[in-house]
């Protein structure tokens, strides 16, 4: 309760998720009104990005469950060590005295594993979104060379596409943050659901 409750965020995550969905929709509608071909080119990476985000969400679900389990154990052991500090000073190499080092090593290992397992999905999500910009530049250059779009239209598309991609990319980062919040909420719920002592 002491460590995790203060980490709950009831404001930023919902507002960021809402912005990540609403702003791209507005941008996509404006792009489609201006030129549907360039809009299609700009949006081509979005389906791939959504698939990667679903995959990333599943990875984060597993890694944060492991992380919170080990973190809770580390907190418990630390409290026990602190309460028995006076006794443990006389037996610094006993199994009880050294178990905190073991649990900290476990926590470090799980934290590193979380980063290693989550990094590929985050990178692939960014590549998927940015691929739309590459396709837009190629398609836009071809249409500009054939005289079908003006330089002003192409430049406008490049600026609007940046406004389209930024909140979408935040969805990938929010997958991990949202899963972390979910784990914290579940742990707090476990405490609330404990039966009242009579």
C-alpha atoms as a PDB file:
ATOM      1  CA  UNK A   1       0.000   0.000   0.000  1.00  0.00           C
ATOM      2  CA  UNK A   2       2.792   2.425   0.929  1.00  0.00           C
ATOM      3  CA  UNK A   3       4.832   1.835  -2.236  1.00  0.00           C
ATOM      4  CA  UNK A   4       2.190   1.294  -4.879  1.00  0.00           C
ATOM      5  CA  UNK A   5      -0.852   3.416  -4.028  1.00  0.00           C
ATOM      6  CA  UNK A   6       1.033   6.663  -4.624  1.00  0.00           C
ATOM      7  CA  UNK A   7       1.976   5.378  -8.105  1.00  0.00           C
ATOM      8  CA  UNK A   8      -1.644   5.072  -9.254  1.00  0.00           C
ATOM      9  CA  UNK A   9      -2.421   7.595 -11.978  1.00  0.00           C
ATOM     10  CA  UNK A  10      -6.106   8.323 -12.605  1.00  0.00           C
ATOM     11  CA  UNK A  11      -5.576  11.360 -14.821  1.00  0.00           C
ATOM     12  CA  UNK A  12      -2.632  11.124 -17.226  1.00  0.00           C
ATOM     13  CA  UNK A  13      -3.209   7.640 -18.641  1.00  0.00           C
ATOM     14  CA  UNK A  14      -6.891   8.145 -19.623  1.00  0.00           C
ATOM     15  CA  UNK A  15      -6.172  11.579 -21.125  1.00  0.00           C
ATOM     16  CA  UNK A  16      -3.154  10.274 -23.076  1.00  0.00           C
ATOM     17  CA  UNK A  17      -5.102   7.281 -24.382  1.00  0.00           C
ATOM     18  CA  UNK A  18      -7.996   9.541 -25.416  1.00  0.00           C
ATOM     19  CA  UNK A  19      -5.606  11.918 -27.201  1.00  0.00           C
ATOM     20  CA  UNK A  20      -3.864   8.991 -28.889  1.00  0.00           C
ATOM     21  CA  UNK A  21      -7.185   7.904 -30.416  1.00  0.00           C
ATOM     22  CA  UNK A  22      -8.970  11.209 -31.068  1.00  0.00           C
ATOM     23  CA  UNK A  23      -6.153  13.310 -32.563  1.00  0.00           C
ATOM     24  CA  UNK A  24      -5.146  10.739 -35.212  1.00  0.00           C
ATOM     25  CA  UNK A  25      -8.786  10.325 -36.281  1.00  0.00           C
ATOM     26  CA  UNK A  26      -9.141  14.072 -36.865  1.00  0.00           C
ATOM     27  CA  UNK A  27      -5.798  14.191 -38.680  1.00  0.00           C
ATOM     28  CA  UNK A  28      -6.731  11.186 -40.859  1.00  0.00           C
ATOM     29  CA  UNK A  29     -10.072  12.767 -41.845  1.00  0.00           C
ATOM     30  CA  UNK A  30      -8.356  16.020 -42.836  1.00  0.00           C
ATOM     31  CA  UNK A  31      -5.716  14.105 -44.823  1.00  0.00           C
ATOM     32  CA  UNK A  32      -8.394  12.089 -46.638  1.00  0.00           C
ATOM     33  CA  UNK A  33     -10.312  15.257 -47.553  1.00  0.00           C
ATOM     34  CA  UNK A  34      -7.171  16.861 -49.016  1.00  0.00           C
ATOM     35  CA  UNK A  35      -5.953  13.826 -50.990  1.00  0.00           C
ATOM     36  CA  UNK A  36      -7.098  10.258 -50.377  1.00  0.00           C
ATOM     37  CA  UNK A  37      -4.070   8.719 -52.105  1.00  0.00           C
ATOM     38  CA  UNK A  38      -1.558  10.479 -49.873  1.00  0.00           C
ATOM     39  CA  UNK A  39      -3.761   9.768 -46.853  1.00  0.00           C
ATOM     40  CA  UNK A  40      -3.695   6.057 -47.672  1.00  0.00           C
ATOM     41  CA  UNK A  41       0.098   6.184 -48.004  1.00  0.00           C
ATOM     42  CA  UNK A  42       0.440   7.985 -44.650  1.00  0.00           C
ATOM     43  CA  UNK A  43      -1.829   5.495 -42.853  1.00  0.00           C
ATOM     44  CA  UNK A  44      -0.354   2.325 -44.330  1.00  0.00           C
ATOM     45  CA  UNK A  45       1.724   1.515 -41.240  1.00  0.00           C
ATOM     46  CA  UNK A  46      -1.127   1.925 -38.733  1.00  0.00           C
ATOM     47  CA  UNK A  47      -2.597  -1.631 -39.017  1.00  0.00           C
ATOM     48  CA  UNK A  48       0.868  -3.126 -38.524  1.00  0.00           C
ATOM     49  CA  UNK A  49       1.421  -0.796 -35.575  1.00  0.00           C
ATOM     50  CA  UNK A  50      -1.856  -1.902 -33.959  1.00  0.00           C
ATOM     51  CA  UNK A  51      -0.885  -5.568 -34.293  1.00  0.00           C
ATOM     52  CA  UNK A  52       2.529  -4.838 -32.756  1.00  0.00           C
ATOM     53  CA  UNK A  53       0.829  -2.905 -29.929  1.00  0.00           C
ATOM     54  CA  UNK A  54      -1.428  -5.885 -29.137  1.00  0.00           C
ATOM     55  CA  UNK A  55       1.657  -8.130 -29.076  1.00  0.00           C
ATOM     56  CA  UNK A  56       3.507  -5.572 -26.910  1.00  0.00           C
ATOM     57  CA  UNK A  57       0.569  -5.384 -24.506  1.00  0.00           C
ATOM     58  CA  UNK A  58       0.710  -9.148 -23.947  1.00  0.00           C
ATOM     59  CA  UNK A  59       4.457  -9.011 -23.318  1.00  0.00           C
ATOM     60  CA  UNK A  60       4.047  -6.198 -20.798  1.00  0.00           C
ATOM     61  CA  UNK A  61       1.269  -8.122 -19.062  1.00  0.00           C
ATOM     62  CA  UNK A  62       3.647 -11.033 -18.398  1.00  0.00           C
ATOM     63  CA  UNK A  63       6.768  -9.045 -17.514  1.00  0.00           C
ATOM     64  CA  UNK A  64       5.007  -6.656 -15.139  1.00  0.00           C
ATOM     65  CA  UNK A  65       3.339  -9.569 -13.352  1.00  0.00           C
ATOM     66  CA  UNK A  66       6.811 -11.060 -12.731  1.00  0.00           C
ATOM     67  CA  UNK A  67       8.264  -7.689 -11.747  1.00  0.00           C
ATOM     68  CA  UNK A  68       5.534  -6.897  -9.222  1.00  0.00           C
ATOM     69  CA  UNK A  69       5.738 -10.366  -7.698  1.00  0.00           C
ATOM     70  CA  UNK A  70       9.492 -10.077  -7.107  1.00  0.00           C
ATOM     71  CA  UNK A  71       9.214  -6.424  -6.004  1.00  0.00           C
ATOM     72  CA  UNK A  72       6.604  -7.361  -3.395  1.00  0.00           C
ATOM     73  CA  UNK A  73       8.876 -10.116  -2.107  1.00  0.00           C
ATOM     74  CA  UNK A  74      11.812  -7.686  -1.929  1.00  0.00           C
ATOM     75  CA  UNK A  75       9.716  -5.206   0.068  1.00  0.00           C
ATOM     76  CA  UNK A  76       8.611  -7.928   2.485  1.00  0.00           C
ATOM     77  CA  UNK A  77      12.152  -9.194   3.022  1.00  0.00           C
ATOM     78  CA  UNK A  78      13.467  -5.643   3.507  1.00  0.00           C
ATOM     79  CA  UNK A  79      10.857  -4.972   6.206  1.00  0.00           C
ATOM     80  CA  UNK A  80      11.738  -8.222   7.950  1.00  0.00           C
ATOM     81  CA  UNK A  81      15.449  -7.366   7.734  1.00  0.00           C
ATOM     82  CA  UNK A  82      14.830  -3.898   9.173  1.00  0.00           C
ATOM     83  CA  UNK A  83      12.798  -5.263  12.085  1.00  0.00           C
ATOM     84  CA  UNK A  84      15.456  -7.824  12.933  1.00  0.00           C
ATOM     85  CA  UNK A  85      18.463  -5.606  12.224  1.00  0.00           C
ATOM     86  CA  UNK A  86      19.755  -5.666  15.792  1.00  0.00           C
ATOM     87  CA  UNK A  87      19.774  -9.476  15.887  1.00  0.00           C
ATOM     88  CA  UNK A  88      21.090  -9.886  12.337  1.00  0.00           C
ATOM     89  CA  UNK A  89      24.152  -7.719  13.012  1.00  0.00           C
ATOM     90  CA  UNK A  90      25.519 -10.535  15.118  1.00  0.00           C
ATOM     91  CA  UNK A  91      24.979 -13.107  12.335  1.00  0.00           C
ATOM     92  CA  UNK A  92      25.627 -11.140   9.150  1.00  0.00           C
ATOM     93  CA  UNK A  93      26.344 -14.240   7.037  1.00  0.00           C
ATOM     94  CA  UNK A  94      23.356 -16.309   8.135  1.00  0.00           C
ATOM     95  CA  UNK A  95      20.808 -17.445   5.565  1.00  0.00           C
ATOM     96  CA  UNK A  96      18.254 -14.993   6.933  1.00  0.00           C
ATOM     97  CA  UNK A  97      20.702 -12.088   6.814  1.00  0.00           C
ATOM     98  CA  UNK A  98      21.792 -12.760   3.227  1.00  0.00           C
ATOM     99  CA  UNK A  99      18.387 -13.457   1.692  1.00  0.00           C
ATOM    100  CA  UNK A 100      17.820  -9.769   0.953  1.00  0.00           C
ATOM    101  CA  UNK A 101      20.841  -9.804  -1.358  1.00  0.00           C
ATOM    102  CA  UNK A 102      19.325 -12.789  -3.138  1.00  0.00           C
ATOM    103  CA  UNK A 103      15.959 -11.113  -3.611  1.00  0.00           C
ATOM    104  CA  UNK A 104      17.621  -7.900  -4.858  1.00  0.00           C
ATOM    105  CA  UNK A 105      19.519  -9.999  -7.426  1.00  0.00           C
ATOM    106  CA  UNK A 106      16.204 -11.519  -8.490  1.00  0.00           C
ATOM    107  CA  UNK A 107      14.666  -8.053  -8.782  1.00  0.00           C
ATOM    108  CA  UNK A 108      17.580  -6.850 -10.903  1.00  0.00           C
ATOM    109  CA  UNK A 109      17.287  -9.909 -13.154  1.00  0.00           C
ATOM    110  CA  UNK A 110      13.540  -9.478 -13.634  1.00  0.00           C
ATOM    111  CA  UNK A 111      13.966  -5.744 -14.331  1.00  0.00           C
ATOM    112  CA  UNK A 112      16.618  -6.398 -16.979  1.00  0.00           C
ATOM    113  CA  UNK A 113      14.514  -9.193 -18.501  1.00  0.00           C
ATOM    114  CA  UNK A 114      11.548  -6.817 -18.670  1.00  0.00           C
ATOM    115  CA  UNK A 115      13.566  -4.272 -20.647  1.00  0.00           C
ATOM    116  CA  UNK A 116      15.041  -6.910 -22.946  1.00  0.00           C
ATOM    117  CA  UNK A 117      11.684  -8.539 -23.686  1.00  0.00           C
ATOM    118  CA  UNK A 118       9.817  -5.257 -24.188  1.00  0.00           C
ATOM    119  CA  UNK A 119      12.420  -3.431 -26.318  1.00  0.00           C
ATOM    120  CA  UNK A 120      11.814  -5.320 -29.621  1.00  0.00           C
ATOM    121  CA  UNK A 121       8.060  -4.646 -29.603  1.00  0.00           C
ATOM    122  CA  UNK A 122       8.604  -0.951 -28.851  1.00  0.00           C
ATOM    123  CA  UNK A 123      11.154  -0.659 -31.660  1.00  0.00           C
ATOM    124  CA  UNK A 124       8.910  -2.523 -34.128  1.00  0.00           C
ATOM    125  CA  UNK A 125       5.997  -0.248 -33.234  1.00  0.00           C
ATOM    126  CA  UNK A 126       8.072   2.832 -34.044  1.00  0.00           C
ATOM    127  CA  UNK A 127       9.272   1.297 -37.327  1.00  0.00           C
ATOM    128  CA  UNK A 128       5.697   0.392 -38.322  1.00  0.00           C
ATOM    129  CA  UNK A 129       4.460   3.947 -37.750  1.00  0.00           C
ATOM    130  CA  UNK A 130       7.447   5.580 -39.432  1.00  0.00           C
ATOM    131  CA  UNK A 131       7.053   3.288 -42.453  1.00  0.00           C
ATOM    132  CA  UNK A 132       3.957   5.322 -43.319  1.00  0.00           C
ATOM    133  CA  UNK A 133       6.121   8.443 -43.555  1.00  0.00           C
ATOM    134  CA  UNK A 134       8.521   6.667 -45.924  1.00  0.00           C
ATOM    135  CA  UNK A 135       5.646   5.479 -48.134  1.00  0.00           C
ATOM    136  CA  UNK A 136       4.162   8.995 -48.035  1.00  0.00           C
ATOM    137  CA  UNK A 137       7.428  10.572 -49.189  1.00  0.00           C
ATOM    138  CA  UNK A 138       7.822   8.043 -52.022  1.00  0.00           C
ATOM    139  CA  UNK A 139       4.178   8.289 -53.156  1.00  0.00           C
ATOM    140  CA  UNK A 140       4.143  12.064 -52.702  1.00  0.00           C
ATOM    141  CA  UNK A 141       7.311  12.484 -54.790  1.00  0.00           C
ATOM    142  CA  UNK A 142       5.821  10.326 -57.550  1.00  0.00           C
ATOM    143  CA  UNK A 143       2.546  12.283 -57.568  1.00  0.00           C
ATOM    144  CA  UNK A 144       4.410  15.596 -57.450  1.00  0.00           C
ATOM    145  CA  UNK A 145       6.655  14.598 -60.385  1.00  0.00           C
ATOM    146  CA  UNK A 146       3.590  13.631 -62.424  1.00  0.00           C
ATOM    147  CA  UNK A 147       1.950  16.973 -61.570  1.00  0.00           C
ATOM    148  CA  UNK A 148      -0.987  15.414 -59.699  1.00  0.00           C
ATOM    149  CA  UNK A 149      -0.252  17.167 -56.382  1.00  0.00           C
ATOM    150  CA  UNK A 150       1.299  20.518 -55.646  1.00  0.00           C
ATOM    151  CA  UNK A 151       4.355  21.150 -53.491  1.00  0.00           C
ATOM    152  CA  UNK A 152       2.117  22.951 -50.968  1.00  0.00           C
ATOM    153  CA  UNK A 153      -0.150  19.915 -50.627  1.00  0.00           C
ATOM    154  CA  UNK A 154       2.805  17.590 -50.175  1.00  0.00           C
ATOM    155  CA  UNK A 155       4.371  19.859 -47.545  1.00  0.00           C
ATOM    156  CA  UNK A 156       1.029  20.114 -45.731  1.00  0.00           C
ATOM    157  CA  UNK A 157       0.789  16.331 -45.668  1.00  0.00           C
ATOM    158  CA  UNK A 158       4.259  15.984 -44.180  1.00  0.00           C
ATOM    159  CA  UNK A 159       3.374  18.371 -41.326  1.00  0.00           C
ATOM    160  CA  UNK A 160      -0.050  16.811 -40.665  1.00  0.00           C
ATOM    161  CA  UNK A 161       1.447  13.320 -40.704  1.00  0.00           C
ATOM    162  CA  UNK A 162       3.762  14.271 -37.839  1.00  0.00           C
ATOM    163  CA  UNK A 163       0.692  15.366 -35.855  1.00  0.00           C
ATOM    164  CA  UNK A 164      -0.891  12.019 -36.740  1.00  0.00           C
ATOM    165  CA  UNK A 165       2.082   9.865 -35.676  1.00  0.00           C
ATOM    166  CA  UNK A 166       3.130  11.457 -32.392  1.00  0.00           C
ATOM    167  CA  UNK A 167       0.095  10.422 -30.287  1.00  0.00           C
ATOM    168  CA  UNK A 168       0.002   7.014 -31.969  1.00  0.00           C
ATOM    169  CA  UNK A 169       3.597   6.333 -30.953  1.00  0.00           C
ATOM    170  CA  UNK A 170       2.693   7.226 -27.387  1.00  0.00           C
ATOM    171  CA  UNK A 171       0.220   4.324 -27.388  1.00  0.00           C
ATOM    172  CA  UNK A 172       3.151   1.915 -27.618  1.00  0.00           C
ATOM    173  CA  UNK A 173       4.870   3.500 -24.627  1.00  0.00           C
ATOM    174  CA  UNK A 174       1.565   3.589 -22.749  1.00  0.00           C
ATOM    175  CA  UNK A 175       1.163  -0.189 -23.123  1.00  0.00           C
ATOM    176  CA  UNK A 176       3.840  -0.757 -20.486  1.00  0.00           C
ATOM    177  CA  UNK A 177       2.666   2.090 -18.270  1.00  0.00           C
ATOM    178  CA  UNK A 178      -0.941   0.908 -18.438  1.00  0.00           C
ATOM    179  CA  UNK A 179       0.037  -2.656 -17.522  1.00  0.00           C
ATOM    180  CA  UNK A 180       2.077  -1.343 -14.592  1.00  0.00           C
ATOM    181  CA  UNK A 181      -0.962   0.622 -13.386  1.00  0.00           C
ATOM    182  CA  UNK A 182      -3.118  -2.480 -13.795  1.00  0.00           C
ATOM    183  CA  UNK A 183      -0.774  -4.583 -11.657  1.00  0.00           C
ATOM    184  CA  UNK A 184      -0.717  -1.902  -8.952  1.00  0.00           C
ATOM    185  CA  UNK A 185      -4.529  -1.674  -8.959  1.00  0.00           C
ATOM    186  CA  UNK A 186      -4.801  -5.474  -8.709  1.00  0.00           C
ATOM    187  CA  UNK A 187      -2.464  -5.551  -5.715  1.00  0.00           C
ATOM    188  CA  UNK A 188      -4.411  -2.807  -3.942  1.00  0.00           C
ATOM    189  CA  UNK A 189      -7.655  -4.679  -4.749  1.00  0.00           C
ATOM    190  CA  UNK A 190      -6.244  -7.825  -3.139  1.00  0.00           C
ATOM    191  CA  UNK A 191      -5.764  -5.916   0.105  1.00  0.00           C
ATOM    192  CA  UNK A 192      -9.281  -4.427  -0.054  1.00  0.00           C
ATOM    193  CA  UNK A 193     -10.777  -7.862  -0.760  1.00  0.00           C
ATOM    194  CA  UNK A 194      -9.210  -9.477   2.306  1.00  0.00           C
ATOM    195  CA  UNK A 195     -11.907 -10.514   4.789  1.00  0.00           C
ATOM    196  CA  UNK A 196     -12.342  -8.281   7.823  1.00  0.00           C
ATOM    197  CA  UNK A 197     -10.707  -9.676  10.953  1.00  0.00           C
ATOM    198  CA  UNK A 198     -13.266 -10.414  13.636  1.00  0.00           C
END
